[in-house]
Protein backbone atom coordinates (compact mmCIF):
# COMPACT_ATOMS: atom_id res chain seq x y z
CA MET A 1 0.00 0.00 0.00
CA SER A 2 1.09 3.61 -0.54
CA LEU A 3 0.56 6.68 1.61
CA ARG A 4 0.28 10.39 1.00
CA LEU A 5 0.95 13.12 3.52
CA THR A 6 -2.77 13.84 3.70
CA ASP A 7 -3.42 10.15 4.45
CA LEU A 8 -1.45 10.47 7.68
CA GLU A 9 -3.90 13.01 9.07
CA ARG A 10 -6.51 10.28 9.62
CA PHE A 11 -4.38 8.49 12.17
CA ARG A 12 -5.27 9.26 15.77
CA THR A 13 -2.64 6.99 17.37
CA MET A 14 1.03 6.55 16.48
CA VAL A 15 2.98 3.69 18.05
CA PHE A 16 6.77 3.84 18.44
CA ALA A 17 8.26 0.36 18.70
CA GLY A 18 11.40 -0.13 20.76
CA GLY A 19 14.70 -1.11 19.25
CA GLY A 20 17.58 0.80 20.80
CA ASN A 21 19.55 2.79 18.24
CA ARG A 22 17.22 1.57 15.48
CA CYS A 23 14.65 4.02 16.86
CA MET A 24 16.60 6.84 15.24
CA TRP A 25 14.91 5.61 12.05
CA GLN A 26 11.59 6.70 13.58
CA ALA A 27 13.07 10.08 14.48
CA GLY A 28 14.26 10.56 10.90
CA VAL A 29 10.85 9.58 9.48
CA VAL A 30 8.75 11.84 11.68
CA THR A 31 11.13 14.80 11.57
CA TRP A 32 11.05 14.70 7.76
CA LEU A 33 7.24 14.57 7.84
CA ARG A 34 6.95 17.45 10.31
CA GLN A 35 9.15 19.63 8.12
CA ARG A 36 6.44 19.21 5.47
CA GLY A 37 3.47 20.08 7.65
CA PHE A 38 2.67 16.83 9.44
CA HIS A 39 1.32 17.19 12.98
CA LEU A 40 1.58 14.52 15.64
CA PRO A 41 -1.71 12.72 16.31
CA PRO A 42 -3.50 13.09 19.66
CA ASP A 43 -2.22 9.78 21.04
CA LEU A 44 1.36 8.45 21.06
CA VAL A 45 2.37 5.07 22.47
CA GLY A 46 5.95 3.88 22.88
CA THR A 47 8.38 1.75 24.79
CA SER A 48 12.10 1.52 25.33
CA ALA A 49 14.05 3.92 23.08
CA GLY A 50 10.90 4.32 20.97
CA ALA A 51 9.23 6.02 23.93
CA GLY A 52 12.31 8.22 24.25
CA VAL A 53 12.09 9.25 20.60
CA ALA A 54 8.35 9.93 20.96
CA ALA A 55 9.03 12.16 23.99
CA ALA A 56 11.76 14.04 22.10
CA LEU A 57 9.40 14.64 19.18
CA LEU A 58 6.66 15.76 21.55
CA ALA A 59 9.07 18.23 23.16
CA HIS A 60 10.16 19.46 19.69
CA ARG A 61 13.68 18.37 20.62
CA ALA A 62 14.28 15.43 18.25
CA GLU A 63 17.26 16.98 16.50
CA HIS A 64 18.67 18.13 19.83
CA ALA A 65 18.24 14.61 21.24
CA PHE A 66 20.05 13.22 18.20
CA SER A 67 22.93 15.65 18.69
CA ILE A 68 23.18 14.86 22.41
CA CYS A 69 23.19 11.13 21.66
CA LYS A 70 26.14 11.59 19.30
CA GLN A 71 28.00 13.61 21.93
CA LEU A 72 27.41 10.99 24.61
CA TYR A 73 28.57 8.20 22.33
CA ALA A 74 31.63 10.17 21.27
CA GLY A 75 32.70 10.42 24.89
CA ASN A 76 32.19 6.73 25.63
CA ALA A 77 35.12 4.69 24.33
CA HIS A 78 33.91 1.22 25.30
CA LEU A 79 30.59 -0.59 25.52
CA ILE A 80 31.61 -2.11 28.87
CA ASP A 81 33.26 -0.15 31.67
CA ARG A 82 36.74 -1.66 31.80
CA ASP A 83 37.53 -0.32 35.27
CA ALA A 84 34.44 -2.04 36.63
CA LEU A 85 35.34 -5.21 34.74
CA LYS A 86 38.71 -5.29 36.52
CA ARG A 87 36.74 -5.40 39.76
CA LEU A 88 34.68 -8.31 38.31
CA ARG A 89 31.64 -6.10 37.87
CA LEU A 90 29.72 -5.92 34.59
CA ARG A 91 28.74 -2.32 33.93
CA PHE A 92 27.61 -1.08 30.51
CA GLY A 93 27.89 2.48 29.25
CA HIS A 94 24.09 2.66 28.96
CA ARG A 95 23.88 3.01 32.75
CA HIS A 96 24.93 6.67 32.53
CA ILE A 97 24.31 7.43 28.83
CA TYR A 98 20.60 6.61 28.69
CA PRO A 99 19.57 8.75 31.70
CA ALA A 100 21.72 11.63 30.42
CA TRP A 101 20.07 11.36 26.99
CA ILE A 102 16.55 11.46 28.45
CA ALA A 103 17.43 14.38 30.74
CA ALA A 104 18.59 16.38 27.72
CA TYR A 105 15.01 16.83 26.50
CA VAL A 106 12.73 15.92 29.42
CA ASN A 107 13.70 18.36 32.12
CA ALA A 108 12.59 21.43 34.07
CA ASP A 109 12.71 23.55 30.90
CA THR A 110 10.47 21.29 28.80
CA PHE A 111 8.17 19.41 31.18
CA GLU A 112 5.44 22.04 31.54
CA ALA A 113 5.19 22.35 27.76
CA LEU A 114 5.01 18.56 27.51
CA ARG A 115 2.20 18.45 30.07
CA ALA A 116 0.30 21.19 28.25
CA SER A 117 0.49 19.45 24.87
CA ARG A 118 -2.75 18.15 23.39
CA THR A 119 -0.81 15.12 22.18
CA ARG A 120 -0.53 12.57 24.97
CA LEU A 121 2.20 9.92 25.31
CA ARG A 122 1.56 6.54 26.91
CA VAL A 123 4.70 4.67 27.90
CA ALA A 124 4.69 0.87 28.06
CA ILE A 125 6.65 -1.00 30.73
CA THR A 126 6.83 -4.69 31.66
CA HIS A 127 5.76 -6.11 35.00
CA PRO A 128 7.57 -9.34 35.94
CA SER A 129 5.73 -12.65 36.07
CA ARG A 130 4.28 -13.30 39.51
CA TRP A 131 5.35 -16.94 39.49
CA LEU A 132 8.78 -16.49 37.85
CA GLY A 133 9.93 -13.57 39.97
CA VAL A 134 12.16 -10.76 38.76
CA LYS A 135 15.27 -12.77 37.84
CA GLY A 136 13.24 -15.56 36.27
CA SER A 137 11.23 -13.02 34.28
CA VAL A 138 14.38 -11.38 32.93
CA MET A 139 15.76 -14.74 31.85
CA ALA A 140 12.45 -15.87 30.34
CA ALA A 141 11.97 -12.53 28.56
CA THR A 142 15.48 -12.68 27.10
CA LEU A 143 14.93 -16.21 25.81
CA ALA A 144 11.54 -15.22 24.40
CA TYR A 145 13.16 -12.23 22.64
CA LEU A 146 15.84 -14.45 21.08
CA ALA A 147 13.25 -17.03 20.01
CA ASP A 148 11.12 -14.35 18.41
CA LYS A 149 14.08 -12.70 16.67
CA HIS A 150 15.56 -15.88 15.20
CA LEU A 151 12.61 -18.29 14.91
CA THR A 152 9.07 -16.89 14.91
CA HIS A 153 9.67 -13.35 13.54
CA SER A 154 6.30 -12.26 14.94
CA ILE A 155 5.37 -8.60 15.22
CA HIS A 156 3.42 -9.09 18.45
CA PRO A 157 4.83 -12.19 20.21
CA ARG A 158 2.59 -14.24 22.48
CA LEU A 159 5.23 -16.18 24.39
CA PRO A 160 6.07 -13.45 26.96
CA ARG A 161 2.42 -13.22 28.02
CA TRP A 162 2.17 -16.99 28.22
CA LEU A 163 5.13 -16.84 30.61
CA GLY A 164 3.21 -14.41 32.80
CA LEU A 165 4.86 -11.11 31.83
CA ARG A 166 2.41 -8.20 31.84
CA GLN A 167 2.58 -4.90 30.00
CA GLY A 168 1.36 -1.71 31.66
CA PHE A 169 0.75 1.71 30.13
CA PHE A 170 1.40 4.99 31.95
CA GLY A 171 0.87 8.55 30.75
CA LEU A 172 4.00 10.67 30.63
CA GLN A 173 1.92 13.78 31.24
CA ASP A 174 0.36 12.16 34.31
CA CYS A 175 3.73 12.29 36.07
CA ALA A 176 3.84 14.82 38.92
CA ASN A 177 7.17 16.30 37.88
CA PHE A 178 9.95 15.98 35.35
CA GLU A 179 11.94 13.66 37.63
CA ASP A 180 9.08 11.13 37.60
CA ALA A 181 8.77 11.50 33.82
CA GLN A 182 12.47 10.77 33.45
CA SER A 183 12.12 7.72 35.71
CA LEU A 184 9.19 6.38 33.66
CA LEU A 185 11.17 6.64 30.42
CA TYR A 186 14.18 5.08 32.09
CA VAL A 187 12.14 2.13 33.40
CA ALA A 188 10.60 1.62 29.95
CA GLY A 189 14.12 1.11 28.56
CA SER A 190 15.62 -0.90 31.42
CA ALA A 191 16.85 -3.95 29.54
CA ALA A 192 19.12 -6.15 31.63
CA PRO A 193 22.09 -6.47 31.67
CA PHE A 194 22.63 -3.13 29.91
CA MET A 195 20.82 -1.16 32.60
CA PRO A 196 19.80 -2.05 36.14
CA LEU A 197 16.11 -2.56 36.81
CA ARG A 198 14.25 0.11 38.75
CA ARG A 199 11.02 0.36 40.68
CA TRP A 200 7.94 2.08 39.32
CA GLN A 201 5.06 2.88 41.63
CA GLY A 202 6.49 0.62 44.32
CA ALA A 203 7.23 -2.46 42.19
CA VAL A 204 10.16 -3.61 40.07
CA ALA A 205 9.57 -2.99 36.36
CA MET A 206 11.60 -3.41 33.20
CA ASP A 207 11.80 -2.68 29.48
CA GLY A 208 8.35 -2.70 27.92
CA GLY A 209 9.74 -4.49 24.88
CA TYR A 210 10.17 -7.63 26.95
CA THR A 211 6.41 -8.16 26.59
CA ASP A 212 5.81 -6.58 23.19
CA ASN A 213 8.31 -4.47 21.27
CA ALA A 214 5.46 -2.71 19.45
CA PRO A 215 3.14 -2.03 22.40
CA ILE A 216 -0.57 -1.81 21.68
CA PRO A 217 -3.03 -0.95 24.48
CA PRO A 218 -6.55 -2.38 24.29
CA GLN A 219 -8.33 -0.87 21.28
CA SER A 220 -11.73 -0.82 19.66
CA VAL A 221 -12.16 -1.61 15.97
CA ALA A 222 -12.32 2.09 15.14
CA GLU A 223 -9.17 2.80 17.17
CA ARG A 224 -7.25 0.04 15.38
CA GLN A 225 -8.20 1.49 12.01
CA ALA A 226 -6.83 4.88 13.08
CA THR A 227 -3.48 3.53 14.34
CA LEU A 228 -0.09 3.77 12.63
CA VAL A 229 2.69 1.58 14.04
CA LEU A 230 6.29 2.60 13.34
CA LEU A 231 8.35 -0.57 13.54
CA THR A 232 12.14 -0.63 13.81
CA ARG A 233 12.74 -4.24 12.81
CA HIS A 234 12.76 -5.12 9.11
CA TYR A 235 10.55 -8.03 8.01
CA PRO A 236 11.76 -9.04 4.50
CA SER A 237 8.55 -10.87 3.61
CA LEU A 238 6.40 -7.77 4.18
CA PRO A 239 6.15 -4.49 2.21
CA SER A 240 7.18 -1.17 3.69
CA THR A 241 3.59 -0.39 4.67
CA PHE A 242 0.88 -2.96 5.28
CA ARG A 243 -2.35 -3.46 7.17
CA TRP A 244 -2.74 -6.14 9.82
CA HIS A 245 -5.60 -6.63 12.29
CA GLY A 246 -7.02 -3.31 11.10
CA ARG A 247 -3.90 -1.27 11.91
CA THR A 248 -1.39 0.26 9.49
CA TYR A 249 2.27 -0.69 9.95
CA TRP A 250 5.30 1.11 8.52
CA GLN A 251 8.65 -0.68 8.64
CA PRO A 252 12.16 0.29 7.50
CA SER A 253 12.78 -0.49 3.83
CA ARG A 254 15.80 -2.58 4.87
CA PRO A 255 17.53 -3.49 8.14
CA VAL A 256 18.39 -0.25 9.93
CA PRO A 257 22.18 0.07 9.49
CA VAL A 258 23.10 0.51 13.15
CA SER A 259 23.88 -1.75 16.09
CA THR A 260 20.93 -1.95 18.46
CA PHE A 261 22.90 -1.58 21.69
CA ASP A 262 26.28 -0.08 20.77
CA CYS A 263 27.03 3.25 22.46
CA THR A 264 30.57 4.07 21.29
CA PRO A 265 31.91 6.63 18.78
CA LYS A 266 31.59 4.18 15.88
CA THR A 267 27.81 3.77 16.33
CA THR A 268 26.15 4.76 13.06
CA ILE A 269 23.04 6.58 14.28
CA ASP A 270 23.52 9.03 11.37
CA ALA A 271 22.78 6.18 8.97
CA ALA A 272 19.67 5.18 10.94
CA TRP A 273 18.30 8.74 10.83
CA ALA A 274 19.17 9.09 7.14
CA LEU A 275 17.36 5.85 6.29
CA GLY A 276 14.26 7.19 8.05
CA GLU A 277 14.36 10.40 6.02
CA GLY A 278 14.93 8.43 2.83
CA ASP A 279 12.09 6.00 3.52
CA ALA A 280 9.70 8.88 4.25
CA ARG A 281 10.72 10.64 1.06
CA GLN A 282 10.39 7.47 -1.02
CA LEU A 283 7.02 6.43 0.40
CA LEU A 284 5.40 9.84 0.26
C-alpha cells in the first residue's frame, strides 16, 4: 500500500516500537514529515528507546536529542566499563548514557510544555511474572526475545504473556514532575544487563519491549483502524507499509544500518536517521 501526507492526518494513534539505536529511524521519518506540515496525532504510544524518541518529538527536541546522543557516544570509548570489569563487575555504558540522553530533552525547561500538549504519550513497561519472579522473568523474557528474533519473527509475540509477563501503560503527562517523567522513560528502557532494573510505583519494572516491542493498548475496531505503528525491525517478507488486524504498519525499507545496543563513537546513528528520512521521502 502507498501513503500520502494527507493520508497520515486520519491516524489518531502513532505507536513507536522499541529497538535501541534503530529508533533513530523513527526520528528521521517523523522529523522529515513534520518539516512538510505533518502534525503529531492526539495519542502516542511507545516503549524503550521508541518512547524516548516519541518524547523528544513531543518536546520538539528530536534533532537536539540526536545531537546529544552523538556527543554521549563520542565520549564513551567502550561498551563495557573496563575499570568495573577489573573489579569483576559488569557495567555497561548505557547506565549513565541513557539517563543523560533522556534528561537532555525531558527536564525542568520542557516538562510544563510537555504536560500542556494536546498530544498525549503513553509509555509501556513490563511487570515481571508473579510466578517467575524478577530474575526468572528477565531470563524468560530474554529467551523469548531471542526465540522471536531468530525463529518466529512475529510482530506481536505471544510467548512473553504466556510466561506471565504483563505490559502496563502509563501517561508521561500524568507524572507529577519531570523527575518522575524521566524515571518512567528510564524504566521503559531498562533492559538487563545493559541497565539495572528500577522500581515504578512501588514495584520492580523493566523494558516494555520484553512483553511486546510494538506495544498496543486495548483498542476498539475504530481505534485500530486509526493507528499507525512505526516498527524498527525489518521483516523481509512484508512491504514497507501494510495493514494487519485493522492497523497500518510502517517498517524500514531494509535493516536499519546501526547496532541496536552499541554506544561508542563508531555507532552509526547518522545512517539510521538518514534511512528514516529516505524512507519517508520514497514512500510519500
